[in-house]
Amino acid sequence: MAGLTPTQRTLKALRERGAICASVEKWNPYGGPHGVRVDLFGFIDLVLIDPQYGIVAIQSCGEAFSAHYKKIVENEIAPEWMKHGRIELWAWRKVKRVRGGKAMMWKPKIHIFQVGDFAT
């Protein structure tokens, strides 16, 4: 999975599990000097239909976990989403395949948001 974006990695991992999911972030070529990616509601990259949890919003990123966590908890729409669905943050990083070894693999750190994550 070399050269994939965090969103592509997340989609691939979810689809390998048989999930029904799609990307909802869009590219705006007119934002900023070189264009900008725009997340649905300011924090959603992917939407997943989960038989157990309903509609799941997923934000995917590289190693900038805390910045994306903050982006979600400070978003005014995220607590409303939590009333009707679930929010997950997938932060991808390379980790050693075997402790003490040299071989590396991509692995997500997954945070499932709870109502308590949001300031009241």
PDB file of N, CA and C in Angstrom:
ATOM      1  N   MET A   1       0.826  -1.190   0.000  1.00  0.00           N
ATOM      2  CA  MET A   1       0.000   0.000   0.000  1.00  0.00           C
ATOM      3  C   MET A   1       0.872   1.256   0.000  1.00  0.00           C
ATOM      4  N   ALA A   2       2.045   1.170  -0.565  1.00  0.00           N
ATOM      5  CA  ALA A   2       2.931   2.338  -0.612  1.00  0.00           C
ATOM      6  C   ALA A   2       2.332   3.401  -1.523  1.00  0.00           C
ATOM      7  N   GLY A   3       2.517   4.664  -1.129  1.00  0.00           N
ATOM      8  CA  GLY A   3       2.057   5.762  -1.958  1.00  0.00           C
ATOM      9  C   GLY A   3       0.579   6.093  -1.855  1.00  0.00           C
ATOM     10  N   LEU A   4      -0.138   5.437  -0.983  1.00  0.00           N
ATOM     11  CA  LEU A   4      -1.563   5.724  -0.824  1.00  0.00           C
ATOM     12  C   LEU A   4      -1.773   6.832   0.186  1.00  0.00           C
ATOM     13  N   THR A   5      -2.832   7.601   0.003  1.00  0.00           N
ATOM     14  CA  THR A   5      -3.197   8.612   0.989  1.00  0.00           C
ATOM     15  C   THR A   5      -3.860   7.914   2.182  1.00  0.00           C
ATOM     16  N   PRO A   6      -3.941   8.581   3.339  1.00  0.00           N
ATOM     17  CA  PRO A   6      -4.637   7.978   4.473  1.00  0.00           C
ATOM     18  C   PRO A   6      -6.089   7.600   4.141  1.00  0.00           C
ATOM     19  N   THR A   7      -6.761   8.422   3.352  1.00  0.00           N
ATOM     20  CA  THR A   7      -8.146   8.108   2.966  1.00  0.00           C
ATOM     21  C   THR A   7      -8.191   6.839   2.117  1.00  0.00           C
ATOM     22  N   GLN A   8      -7.268   6.697   1.173  1.00  0.00           N
ATOM     23  CA  GLN A   8      -7.214   5.492   0.343  1.00  0.00           C
ATOM     24  C   GLN A   8      -6.895   4.255   1.182  1.00  0.00           C
ATOM     25  N   ARG A   9      -5.992   4.401   2.150  1.00  0.00           N
ATOM     26  CA  ARG A   9      -5.656   3.279   3.042  1.00  0.00           C
ATOM     27  C   ARG A   9      -6.884   2.840   3.846  1.00  0.00           C
ATOM     28  N   THR A  10      -7.625   3.823   4.363  1.00  0.00           N
ATOM     29  CA  THR A  10      -8.811   3.523   5.164  1.00  0.00           C
ATOM     30  C   THR A  10      -9.875   2.838   4.310  1.00  0.00           C
ATOM     31  N   LEU A  11     -10.131   3.374   3.119  1.00  0.00           N
ATOM     32  CA  LEU A  11     -11.101   2.740   2.206  1.00  0.00           C
ATOM     33  C   LEU A  11     -10.712   1.298   1.911  1.00  0.00           C
ATOM     34  N   LYS A  12      -9.450   1.077   1.613  1.00  0.00           N
ATOM     35  CA  LYS A  12      -8.964  -0.276   1.292  1.00  0.00           C
ATOM     36  C   LYS A  12      -9.173  -1.214   2.482  1.00  0.00           C
ATOM     37  N   ALA A  13      -8.801  -0.770   3.681  1.00  0.00           N
ATOM     38  CA  ALA A  13      -8.960  -1.599   4.877  1.00  0.00           C
ATOM     39  C   ALA A  13     -10.434  -1.925   5.139  1.00  0.00           C
ATOM     40  N   LEU A  14     -11.300  -0.928   4.994  1.00  0.00           N
ATOM     41  CA  LEU A  14     -12.731  -1.154   5.228  1.00  0.00           C
ATOM     42  C   LEU A  14     -13.321  -2.098   4.182  1.00  0.00           C
ATOM     43  N   ARG A  15     -12.972  -1.900   2.924  1.00  0.00           N
ATOM     44  CA  ARG A  15     -13.511  -2.751   1.853  1.00  0.00           C
ATOM     45  C   ARG A  15     -13.009  -4.185   1.955  1.00  0.00           C
ATOM     46  N   GLU A  16     -11.777  -4.367   2.464  1.00  0.00           N
ATOM     47  CA  GLU A  16     -11.262  -5.725   2.684  1.00  0.00           C
ATOM     48  C   GLU A  16     -12.083  -6.457   3.736  1.00  0.00           C
ATOM     49  N   ARG A  17     -12.724  -5.708   4.629  1.00  0.00           N
ATOM     50  CA  ARG A  17     -13.612  -6.293   5.642  1.00  0.00           C
ATOM     51  C   ARG A  17     -15.042  -6.427   5.132  1.00  0.00           C
ATOM     52  N   GLY A  18     -15.275  -6.035   3.880  1.00  0.00           N
ATOM     53  CA  GLY A  18     -16.604  -6.151   3.294  1.00  0.00           C
ATOM     54  C   GLY A  18     -17.524  -4.980   3.597  1.00  0.00           C
ATOM     55  N   ALA A  19     -16.981  -3.870   4.060  1.00  0.00           N
ATOM     56  CA  ALA A  19     -17.793  -2.711   4.432  1.00  0.00           C
ATOM     57  C   ALA A  19     -18.322  -1.977   3.203  1.00  0.00           C
ATOM     58  N   ILE A  20     -19.464  -1.357   3.376  1.00  0.00           N
ATOM     59  CA  ILE A  20     -20.041  -0.474   2.362  1.00  0.00           C
ATOM     60  C   ILE A  20     -19.658   0.939   2.765  1.00  0.00           C
ATOM     61  N   CYS A  21     -18.778   1.565   1.972  1.00  0.00           N
ATOM     62  CA  CYS A  21     -18.276   2.884   2.342  1.00  0.00           C
ATOM     63  C   CYS A  21     -17.942   3.686   1.088  1.00  0.00           C
ATOM     64  N   ALA A  22     -17.828   5.001   1.270  1.00  0.00           N
ATOM     65  CA  ALA A  22     -17.496   5.882   0.151  1.00  0.00           C
ATOM     66  C   ALA A  22     -16.830   7.139   0.675  1.00  0.00           C
ATOM     67  N   SER A  23     -16.007   7.733  -0.174  1.00  0.00           N
ATOM     68  CA  SER A  23     -15.361   8.993   0.159  1.00  0.00           C
ATOM     69  C   SER A  23     -16.357  10.129  -0.057  1.00  0.00           C
ATOM     70  N   VAL A  24     -16.380  11.076   0.892  1.00  0.00           N
ATOM     71  CA  VAL A  24     -17.271  12.227   0.769  1.00  0.00           C
ATOM     72  C   VAL A  24     -16.501  13.540   0.795  1.00  0.00           C
ATOM     73  N   GLU A  25     -15.165  13.467   0.865  1.00  0.00           N
ATOM     74  CA  GLU A  25     -14.384  14.702   0.779  1.00  0.00           C
ATOM     75  C   GLU A  25     -14.271  15.082  -0.694  1.00  0.00           C
ATOM     76  N   LYS A  26     -14.221  16.359  -0.960  1.00  0.00           N
ATOM     77  CA  LYS A  26     -14.176  16.860  -2.335  1.00  0.00           C
ATOM     78  C   LYS A  26     -12.941  17.724  -2.535  1.00  0.00           C
ATOM     79  N   TRP A  27     -12.518  17.845  -3.778  1.00  0.00           N
ATOM     80  CA  TRP A  27     -11.386  18.694  -4.140  1.00  0.00           C
ATOM     81  C   TRP A  27     -11.925  20.007  -4.672  1.00  0.00           C
ATOM     82  N   ASN A  28     -11.507  21.123  -4.075  1.00  0.00           N
ATOM     83  CA  ASN A  28     -11.886  22.447  -4.551  1.00  0.00           C
ATOM     84  C   ASN A  28     -10.644  23.072  -5.183  1.00  0.00           C
ATOM     85  N   PRO A  29     -10.578  23.125  -6.525  1.00  0.00           N
ATOM     86  CA  PRO A  29      -9.381  23.653  -7.188  1.00  0.00           C
ATOM     87  C   PRO A  29      -9.195  25.153  -6.985  1.00  0.00           C
ATOM     88  N   TYR A  30     -10.232  25.838  -6.506  1.00  0.00           N
ATOM     89  CA  TYR A  30     -10.164  27.288  -6.344  1.00  0.00           C
ATOM     90  C   TYR A  30      -9.817  27.714  -4.916  1.00  0.00           C
ATOM     91  N   GLY A  31      -9.730  26.772  -3.987  1.00  0.00           N
ATOM     92  CA  GLY A  31      -9.396  27.105  -2.604  1.00  0.00           C
ATOM     93  C   GLY A  31      -7.889  27.223  -2.425  1.00  0.00           C
ATOM     94  N   GLY A  32      -7.460  28.332  -1.896  1.00  0.00           N
ATOM     95  CA  GLY A  32      -6.026  28.529  -1.689  1.00  0.00           C
ATOM     96  C   GLY A  32      -5.287  28.677  -2.995  1.00  0.00           C
ATOM     97  N   PRO A  33      -3.975  28.784  -2.935  1.00  0.00           N
ATOM     98  CA  PRO A  33      -3.198  28.996  -4.163  1.00  0.00           C
ATOM     99  C   PRO A  33      -3.123  27.760  -5.062  1.00  0.00           C
ATOM    100  N   HIS A  34      -3.273  26.562  -4.480  1.00  0.00           N
ATOM    101  CA  HIS A  34      -3.130  25.333  -5.273  1.00  0.00           C
ATOM    102  C   HIS A  34      -4.313  24.386  -5.129  1.00  0.00           C
ATOM    103  N   GLY A  35      -5.409  24.837  -4.567  1.00  0.00           N
ATOM    104  CA  GLY A  35      -6.557  23.977  -4.333  1.00  0.00           C
ATOM    105  C   GLY A  35      -6.542  23.439  -2.912  1.00  0.00           C
ATOM    106  N   VAL A  36      -7.667  22.857  -2.502  1.00  0.00           N
ATOM    107  CA  VAL A  36      -7.791  22.364  -1.126  1.00  0.00           C
ATOM    108  C   VAL A  36      -8.823  21.236  -1.082  1.00  0.00           C
ATOM    109  N   ARG A  37      -8.606  20.286  -0.186  1.00  0.00           N
ATOM    110  CA  ARG A  37      -9.590  19.226   0.043  1.00  0.00           C
ATOM    111  C   ARG A  37     -10.616  19.743   1.048  1.00  0.00           C
ATOM    112  N   VAL A  38     -11.880  19.444   0.804  1.00  0.00           N
ATOM    113  CA  VAL A  38     -12.958  19.918   1.662  1.00  0.00           C
ATOM    114  C   VAL A  38     -13.703  18.703   2.214  1.00  0.00           C
ATOM    115  N   ASP A  39     -13.725  18.579   3.548  1.00  0.00           N
ATOM    116  CA  ASP A  39     -14.417  17.468   4.203  1.00  0.00           C
ATOM    117  C   ASP A  39     -15.910  17.777   4.339  1.00  0.00           C
ATOM    118  N   LEU A  40     -16.729  16.744   4.275  1.00  0.00           N
ATOM    119  CA  LEU A  40     -18.159  16.892   4.517  1.00  0.00           C
ATOM    120  C   LEU A  40     -18.359  17.397   5.945  1.00  0.00           C
ATOM    121  N   PHE A  41     -19.122  18.458   6.119  1.00  0.00           N
ATOM    122  CA  PHE A  41     -19.385  19.094   7.415  1.00  0.00           C
ATOM    123  C   PHE A  41     -18.098  19.527   8.124  1.00  0.00           C
ATOM    124  N   GLY A  42     -16.999  19.603   7.413  1.00  0.00           N
ATOM    125  CA  GLY A  42     -15.752  20.069   7.989  1.00  0.00           C
ATOM    126  C   GLY A  42     -14.941  19.023   8.735  1.00  0.00           C
ATOM    127  N   PHE A  43     -15.432  17.749   8.792  1.00  0.00           N
ATOM    128  CA  PHE A  43     -14.669  16.729   9.523  1.00  0.00           C
ATOM    129  C   PHE A  43     -14.814  15.306   8.984  1.00  0.00           C
ATOM    130  N   ILE A  44     -15.577  15.083   7.937  1.00  0.00           N
ATOM    131  CA  ILE A  44     -15.824  13.710   7.461  1.00  0.00           C
ATOM    132  C   ILE A  44     -15.154  13.474   6.105  1.00  0.00           C
ATOM    133  N   ASP A  45     -14.287  12.447   6.062  1.00  0.00           N
ATOM    134  CA  ASP A  45     -13.656  12.027   4.810  1.00  0.00           C
ATOM    135  C   ASP A  45     -14.421  10.872   4.167  1.00  0.00           C
ATOM    136  N   LEU A  46     -14.918   9.955   5.005  1.00  0.00           N
ATOM    137  CA  LEU A  46     -15.597   8.752   4.522  1.00  0.00           C
ATOM    138  C   LEU A  46     -16.887   8.526   5.296  1.00  0.00           C
ATOM    139  N   VAL A  47     -17.861   7.911   4.632  1.00  0.00           N
ATOM    140  CA  VAL A  47     -19.087   7.491   5.310  1.00  0.00           C
ATOM    141  C   VAL A  47     -19.208   5.982   5.120  1.00  0.00           C
ATOM    142  N   LEU A  48     -19.518   5.309   6.220  1.00  0.00           N
ATOM    143  CA  LEU A  48     -19.608   3.858   6.250  1.00  0.00           C
ATOM    144  C   LEU A  48     -21.006   3.458   6.717  1.00  0.00           C
ATOM    145  N   ILE A  49     -21.603   2.486   6.041  1.00  0.00           N
ATOM    146  CA  ILE A  49     -22.877   1.925   6.496  1.00  0.00           C
ATOM    147  C   ILE A  49     -22.531   0.669   7.280  1.00  0.00           C
ATOM    148  N   ASP A  50     -22.801   0.702   8.572  1.00  0.00           N
ATOM    149  CA  ASP A  50     -22.447  -0.411   9.454  1.00  0.00           C
ATOM    150  C   ASP A  50     -23.718  -1.040  10.008  1.00  0.00           C
ATOM    151  N   PRO A  51     -23.905  -2.359   9.855  1.00  0.00           N
ATOM    152  CA  PRO A  51     -25.125  -3.003  10.342  1.00  0.00           C
ATOM    153  C   PRO A  51     -25.323  -2.860  11.852  1.00  0.00           C
ATOM    154  N   GLN A  52     -24.224  -2.757  12.597  1.00  0.00           N
ATOM    155  CA  GLN A  52     -24.319  -2.664  14.054  1.00  0.00           C
ATOM    156  C   GLN A  52     -24.440  -1.227  14.549  1.00  0.00           C
ATOM    157  N   TYR A  53     -23.690  -0.300  13.928  1.00  0.00           N
ATOM    158  CA  TYR A  53     -23.619   1.072  14.445  1.00  0.00           C
ATOM    159  C   TYR A  53     -24.356   2.099  13.590  1.00  0.00           C
ATOM    160  N   GLY A  54     -24.918   1.710  12.472  1.00  0.00           N
ATOM    161  CA  GLY A  54     -25.625   2.650  11.602  1.00  0.00           C
ATOM    162  C   GLY A  54     -24.659   3.386  10.691  1.00  0.00           C
ATOM    163  N   ILE A  55     -24.848   4.682  10.579  1.00  0.00           N
ATOM    164  CA  ILE A  55     -24.011   5.493   9.699  1.00  0.00           C
ATOM    165  C   ILE A  55     -22.796   5.981  10.496  1.00  0.00           C
ATOM    166  N   VAL A  56     -21.610   5.688   9.959  1.00  0.00           N
ATOM    167  CA  VAL A  56     -20.366   6.034  10.640  1.00  0.00           C
ATOM    168  C   VAL A  56     -19.605   7.069   9.818  1.00  0.00           C
ATOM    169  N   ALA A  57     -19.217   8.165  10.466  1.00  0.00           N
ATOM    170  CA  ALA A  57     -18.383   9.197   9.846  1.00  0.00           C
ATOM    171  C   ALA A  57     -16.935   8.884  10.206  1.00  0.00           C
ATOM    172  N   ILE A  58     -16.056   8.905   9.197  1.00  0.00           N
ATOM    173  CA  ILE A  58     -14.653   8.599   9.442  1.00  0.00           C
ATOM    174  C   ILE A  58     -13.776   9.740   8.944  1.00  0.00           C
ATOM    175  N   GLN A  59     -12.886  10.199   9.811  1.00  0.00           N
ATOM    176  CA  GLN A  59     -11.838  11.155   9.453  1.00  0.00           C
ATOM    177  C   GLN A  59     -10.554  10.334   9.403  1.00  0.00           C
ATOM    178  N   SER A  60      -9.814  10.422   8.295  1.00  0.00           N
ATOM    179  CA  SER A  60      -8.556   9.692   8.194  1.00  0.00           C
ATOM    180  C   SER A  60      -7.419  10.683   8.025  1.00  0.00           C
ATOM    181  N   CYS A  61      -6.269  10.324   8.601  1.00  0.00           N
ATOM    182  CA  CYS A  61      -5.114  11.219   8.539  1.00  0.00           C
ATOM    183  C   CYS A  61      -3.836  10.401   8.638  1.00  0.00           C
ATOM    184  N   GLY A  62      -2.729  11.086   8.483  1.00  0.00           N
ATOM    185  CA  GLY A  62      -1.429  10.462   8.686  1.00  0.00           C
ATOM    186  C   GLY A  62      -1.145  10.456  10.181  1.00  0.00           C
ATOM    187  N   GLU A  63       0.003  10.954  10.552  1.00  0.00           N
ATOM    188  CA  GLU A  63       0.392  10.907  11.956  1.00  0.00           C
ATOM    189  C   GLU A  63      -0.100  12.101  12.778  1.00  0.00           C
ATOM    190  N   ALA A  64      -0.870  12.994  12.186  1.00  0.00           N
ATOM    191  CA  ALA A  64      -1.345  14.196  12.893  1.00  0.00           C
ATOM    192  C   ALA A  64      -2.627  13.906  13.672  1.00  0.00           C
ATOM    193  N   PHE A  65      -2.564  12.898  14.540  1.00  0.00           N
ATOM    194  CA  PHE A  65      -3.752  12.470  15.288  1.00  0.00           C
ATOM    195  C   PHE A  65      -4.352  13.606  16.110  1.00  0.00           C
ATOM    196  N   SER A  66      -3.513  14.297  16.936  1.00  0.00           N
ATOM    197  CA  SER A  66      -4.077  15.308  17.837  1.00  0.00           C
ATOM    198  C   SER A  66      -4.716  16.466  17.112  1.00  0.00           C
ATOM    199  N   ALA A  67      -4.141  16.884  15.987  1.00  0.00           N
ATOM    200  CA  ALA A  67      -4.723  17.991  15.223  1.00  0.00           C
ATOM    201  C   ALA A  67      -6.093  17.602  14.673  1.00  0.00           C
ATOM    202  N   HIS A  68      -6.224  16.372  14.199  1.00  0.00           N
ATOM    203  CA  HIS A  68      -7.508  15.926  13.654  1.00  0.00           C
ATOM    204  C   HIS A  68      -8.522  15.638  14.768  1.00  0.00           C
ATOM    205  N   TYR A  69      -8.051  15.139  15.898  1.00  0.00           N
ATOM    206  CA  TYR A  69      -8.931  14.953  17.057  1.00  0.00           C
ATOM    207  C   TYR A  69      -9.533  16.301  17.451  1.00  0.00           C
ATOM    208  N   LYS A  70      -8.670  17.306  17.546  1.00  0.00           N
ATOM    209  CA  LYS A  70      -9.110  18.655  17.912  1.00  0.00           C
ATOM    210  C   LYS A  70     -10.094  19.209  16.878  1.00  0.00           C
ATOM    211  N   LYS A  71      -9.809  18.953  15.597  1.00  0.00           N
ATOM    212  CA  LYS A  71     -10.680  19.408  14.514  1.00  0.00           C
ATOM    213  C   LYS A  71     -12.097  18.855  14.699  1.00  0.00           C
ATOM    214  N   ILE A  72     -12.201  17.612  15.137  1.00  0.00           N
ATOM    215  CA  ILE A  72     -13.515  16.983  15.316  1.00  0.00           C
ATOM    216  C   ILE A  72     -14.203  17.495  16.573  1.00  0.00           C
ATOM    217  N   VAL A  73     -13.500  17.508  17.703  1.00  0.00           N
ATOM    218  CA  VAL A  73     -14.162  17.906  18.957  1.00  0.00           C
ATOM    219  C   VAL A  73     -14.547  19.380  18.970  1.00  0.00           C
ATOM    220  N   GLU A  74     -13.899  20.201  18.153  1.00  0.00           N
ATOM    221  CA  GLU A  74     -14.260  21.619  18.077  1.00  0.00           C
ATOM    222  C   GLU A  74     -15.284  21.916  16.985  1.00  0.00           C
ATOM    223  N   ASN A  75     -15.656  20.914  16.210  1.00  0.00           N
ATOM    224  CA  ASN A  75     -16.631  21.101  15.140  1.00  0.00           C
ATOM    225  C   ASN A  75     -18.039  21.153  15.740  1.00  0.00           C
ATOM    226  N   GLU A  76     -18.824  22.138  15.361  1.00  0.00           N
ATOM    227  CA  GLU A  76     -20.164  22.303  15.949  1.00  0.00           C
ATOM    228  C   GLU A  76     -21.172  21.269  15.462  1.00  0.00           C
ATOM    229  N   ILE A  77     -20.908  20.624  14.328  1.00  0.00           N
ATOM    230  CA  ILE A  77     -21.843  19.633  13.789  1.00  0.00           C
ATOM    231  C   ILE A  77     -21.578  18.235  14.347  1.00  0.00           C
ATOM    232  N   ALA A  78     -20.348  17.960  14.761  1.00  0.00           N
ATOM    233  CA  ALA A  78     -19.975  16.624  15.234  1.00  0.00           C
ATOM    234  C   ALA A  78     -20.850  16.120  16.393  1.00  0.00           C
ATOM    235  N   PRO A  79     -21.146  16.933  17.420  1.00  0.00           N
ATOM    236  CA  PRO A  79     -22.017  16.419  18.493  1.00  0.00           C
ATOM    237  C   PRO A  79     -23.417  16.058  17.984  1.00  0.00           C
ATOM    238  N   GLU A  80     -23.897  16.812  17.014  1.00  0.00           N
ATOM    239  CA  GLU A  80     -25.210  16.487  16.426  1.00  0.00           C
ATOM    240  C   GLU A  80     -25.139  15.158  15.682  1.00  0.00           C
ATOM    241  N   TRP A  81     -24.031  14.923  14.964  1.00  0.00           N
ATOM    242  CA  TRP A  81     -23.833  13.651  14.248  1.00  0.00           C
ATOM    243  C   TRP A  81     -23.865  12.497  15.249  1.00  0.00           C
ATOM    244  N   MET A  82     -23.242  12.700  16.411  1.00  0.00           N
ATOM    245  CA  MET A  82     -23.172  11.654  17.438  1.00  0.00           C
ATOM    246  C   MET A  82     -24.551  11.222  17.933  1.00  0.00           C
ATOM    247  N   LYS A  83     -25.540  12.094  17.824  1.00  0.00           N
ATOM    248  CA  LYS A  83     -26.901  11.738  18.232  1.00  0.00           C
ATOM    249  C   LYS A  83     -27.519  10.716  17.289  1.00  0.00           C
ATOM    250  N   HIS A  84     -26.999  10.644  16.069  1.00  0.00           N
ATOM    251  CA  HIS A  84     -27.610   9.805  15.042  1.00  0.00           C
ATOM    252  C   HIS A  84     -26.680   8.742  14.472  1.00  0.00           C
ATOM    253  N   GLY A  85     -25.378   8.855  14.757  1.00  0.00           N
ATOM    254  CA  GLY A  85     -24.416   7.930  14.185  1.00  0.00           C
ATOM    255  C   GLY A  85     -23.159   7.875  15.025  1.00  0.00           C
ATOM    256  N   ARG A  86     -22.097   7.465  14.418  1.00  0.00           N
ATOM    257  CA  ARG A  86     -20.831   7.249  15.115  1.00  0.00           C
ATOM    258  C   ARG A  86     -19.731   7.998  14.372  1.00  0.00           C
ATOM    259  N   ILE A  87     -18.685   8.419  15.089  1.00  0.00           N
ATOM    260  CA  ILE A  87     -17.540   9.095  14.481  1.00  0.00           C
ATOM    261  C   ILE A  87     -16.273   8.334  14.869  1.00  0.00           C
ATOM    262  N   GLU A  88     -15.429   8.077  13.870  1.00  0.00           N
ATOM    263  CA  GLU A  88     -14.147   7.423  14.106  1.00  0.00           C
ATOM    264  C   GLU A  88     -13.035   8.256  13.490  1.00  0.00           C
ATOM    265  N   LEU A  89     -11.871   8.231  14.126  1.00  0.00           N
ATOM    266  CA  LEU A  89     -10.664   8.866  13.598  1.00  0.00           C
ATOM    267  C   LEU A  89      -9.638   7.767  13.361  1.00  0.00           C
ATOM    268  N   TRP A  90      -9.170   7.660  12.120  1.00  0.00           N
ATOM    269  CA  TRP A  90      -8.156   6.677  11.751  1.00  0.00           C
ATOM    270  C   TRP A  90      -6.871   7.430  11.427  1.00  0.00           C
ATOM    271  N   ALA A  91      -5.833   7.259  12.250  1.00  0.00           N
ATOM    272  CA  ALA A  91      -4.536   7.902  12.030  1.00  0.00           C
ATOM    273  C   ALA A  91      -3.527   6.823  11.638  1.00  0.00           C
ATOM    274  N   TRP A  92      -3.026   6.886  10.416  1.00  0.00           N
ATOM    275  CA  TRP A  92      -2.124   5.871   9.887  1.00  0.00           C
ATOM    276  C   TRP A  92      -0.671   6.197  10.211  1.00  0.00           C
ATOM    277  N   ARG A  93       0.075   5.163  10.577  1.00  0.00           N
ATOM    278  CA  ARG A  93       1.506   5.308  10.826  1.00  0.00           C
ATOM    279  C   ARG A  93       2.197   3.983  10.519  1.00  0.00           C
ATOM    280  N   LYS A  94       3.505   4.064  10.284  1.00  0.00           N
ATOM    281  CA  LYS A  94       4.285   2.852  10.053  1.00  0.00           C
ATOM    282  C   LYS A  94       4.766   2.319  11.394  1.00  0.00           C
ATOM    283  N   VAL A  95       4.586   1.032  11.607  1.00  0.00           N
ATOM    284  CA  VAL A  95       5.055   0.377  12.825  1.00  0.00           C
ATOM    285  C   VAL A  95       5.859  -0.856  12.428  1.00  0.00           C
ATOM    286  N   LYS A  96       6.677  -1.323  13.335  1.00  0.00           N
ATOM    287  CA  LYS A  96       7.464  -2.533  13.058  1.00  0.00           C
ATOM    288  C   LYS A  96       6.537  -3.738  13.006  1.00  0.00           C
ATOM    289  N   ARG A  97       6.750  -4.572  12.014  1.00  0.00           N
ATOM    290  CA  ARG A  97       5.944  -5.778  11.848  1.00  0.00           C
ATOM    291  C   ARG A  97       6.149  -6.721  13.037  1.00  0.00           C
ATOM    292  N   VAL A  98       7.403  -6.850  13.460  1.00  0.00           N
ATOM    293  CA  VAL A  98       7.751  -7.704  14.594  1.00  0.00           C
ATOM    294  C   VAL A  98       8.619  -6.890  15.545  1.00  0.00           C
ATOM    295  N   ARG A  99       8.368  -6.989  16.807  1.00  0.00           N
ATOM    296  CA  ARG A  99       9.153  -6.249  17.800  1.00  0.00           C
ATOM    297  C   ARG A  99      10.638  -6.569  17.636  1.00  0.00           C
ATOM    298  N   GLY A 100      11.449  -5.513  17.520  1.00  0.00           N
ATOM    299  CA  GLY A 100      12.887  -5.682  17.333  1.00  0.00           C
ATOM    300  C   GLY A 100      13.302  -5.911  15.883  1.00  0.00           C
ATOM    301  N   GLY A 101      12.329  -6.093  14.995  1.00  0.00           N
ATOM    302  CA  GLY A 101      12.645  -6.331  13.585  1.00  0.00           C
ATOM    303  C   GLY A 101      12.810  -5.036  12.810  1.00  0.00           C
ATOM    304  N   LYS A 102      13.087  -5.182  11.515  1.00  0.00           N
ATOM    305  CA  LYS A 102      13.268  -4.007  10.653  1.00  0.00           C
ATOM    306  C   LYS A 102      12.082  -3.778   9.723  1.00  0.00           C
ATOM    307  N   ALA A 103      11.368  -4.843   9.401  1.00  0.00           N
ATOM    308  CA  ALA A 103      10.251  -4.730   8.462  1.00  0.00           C
ATOM    309  C   ALA A 103       9.144  -3.865   9.064  1.00  0.00           C
ATOM    310  N   MET A 104       8.624  -2.959   8.242  1.00  0.00           N
ATOM    311  CA  MET A 104       7.586  -2.032   8.690  1.00  0.00           C
ATOM    312  C   MET A 104       6.272  -2.314   7.964  1.00  0.00           C
ATOM    313  N   MET A 105       5.178  -1.914   8.590  1.00  0.00           N
ATOM    314  CA  MET A 105       3.855  -2.034   7.968  1.00  0.00           C
ATOM    315  C   MET A 105       3.005  -0.845   8.401  1.00  0.00           C
ATOM    316  N   TRP A 106       1.998  -0.519   7.594  1.00  0.00           N
ATOM    317  CA  TRP A 106       1.067   0.565   7.921  1.00  0.00           C
ATOM    318  C   TRP A 106      -0.003   0.017   8.855  1.00  0.00           C
ATOM    319  N   LYS A 107      -0.287   0.777   9.913  1.00  0.00           N
ATOM    320  CA  LYS A 107      -1.307   0.373  10.876  1.00  0.00           C
ATOM    321  C   LYS A 107      -2.058   1.614  11.340  1.00  0.00           C
ATOM    322  N   PRO A 108      -3.396   1.522  11.438  1.00  0.00           N
ATOM    323  CA  PRO A 108      -4.139   2.694  11.916  1.00  0.00           C
ATOM    324  C   PRO A 108      -4.295   2.696  13.436  1.00  0.00           C
ATOM    325  N   LYS A 109      -4.223   3.891  13.998  1.00  0.00           N
ATOM    326  CA  LYS A 109      -4.640   4.107  15.387  1.00  0.00           C
ATOM    327  C   LYS A 109      -6.072   4.584  15.248  1.00  0.00           C
ATOM    328  N   ILE A 110      -7.018   3.844  15.795  1.00  0.00           N
ATOM    329  CA  ILE A 110      -8.433   4.166  15.611  1.00  0.00           C
ATOM    330  C   ILE A 110      -9.024   4.656  16.930  1.00  0.00           C
ATOM    331  N   HIS A 111      -9.615   5.844  16.878  1.00  0.00           N
ATOM    332  CA  HIS A 111     -10.315   6.397  18.041  1.00  0.00           C
ATOM    333  C   HIS A 111     -11.803   6.457  17.709  1.00  0.00           C
ATOM    334  N   ILE A 112     -12.610   5.844  18.558  1.00  0.00           N
ATOM    335  CA  ILE A 112     -14.061   5.902  18.411  1.00  0.00           C
ATOM    336  C   ILE A 112     -14.566   6.947  19.401  1.00  0.00           C
ATOM    337  N   PHE A 113     -15.164   7.986  18.868  1.00  0.00           N
ATOM    338  CA  PHE A 113     -15.606   9.102  19.713  1.00  0.00           C
ATOM    339  C   PHE A 113     -16.801   8.714  20.558  1.00  0.00           C
ATOM    340  N   GLN A 114     -16.812   9.276  21.758  1.00  0.00           N
ATOM    341  CA  GLN A 114     -17.916   9.134  22.703  1.00  0.00           C
ATOM    342  C   GLN A 114     -18.460  10.532  22.976  1.00  0.00           C
ATOM    343  N   VAL A 115     -19.651  10.624  23.489  1.00  0.00           N
ATOM    344  CA  VAL A 115     -20.252  11.918  23.786  1.00  0.00           C
ATOM    345  C   VAL A 115     -19.355  12.725  24.721  1.00  0.00           C
ATOM    346  N   GLY A 116     -18.667  12.061  25.645  1.00  0.00           N
ATOM    347  CA  GLY A 116     -17.786  12.724  26.601  1.00  0.00           C
ATOM    348  C   GLY A 116     -16.575  13.387  25.969  1.00  0.00           C
ATOM    349  N   ASP A 117     -16.240  13.072  24.711  1.00  0.00           N
ATOM    350  CA  ASP A 117     -15.124  13.703  24.018  1.00  0.00           C
ATOM    351  C   ASP A 117     -15.415  15.164  23.678  1.00  0.00           C
ATOM    352  N   PHE A 118     -16.685  15.517  23.631  1.00  0.00           N
ATOM    353  CA  PHE A 118     -17.086  16.846  23.210  1.00  0.00           C
ATOM    354  C   PHE A 118     -17.373  17.754  24.399  1.00  0.00           C
ATOM    355  N   ALA A 119     -16.885  18.996  24.309  1.00  0.00           N
ATOM    356  CA  ALA A 119     -17.148  19.969  25.375  1.00  0.00           C
ATOM    357  C   ALA A 119     -18.637  20.293  25.385  1.00  0.00           C
ATOM    358  N   THR A 120     -19.183  20.446  26.564  1.00  0.00           N
ATOM    359  CA  THR A 120     -20.635  20.745  26.645  1.00  0.00           C
ATOM    360  C   THR A 120     -20.877  22.208  26.862  1.00  0.00           C
TER     361      THR A 120
END
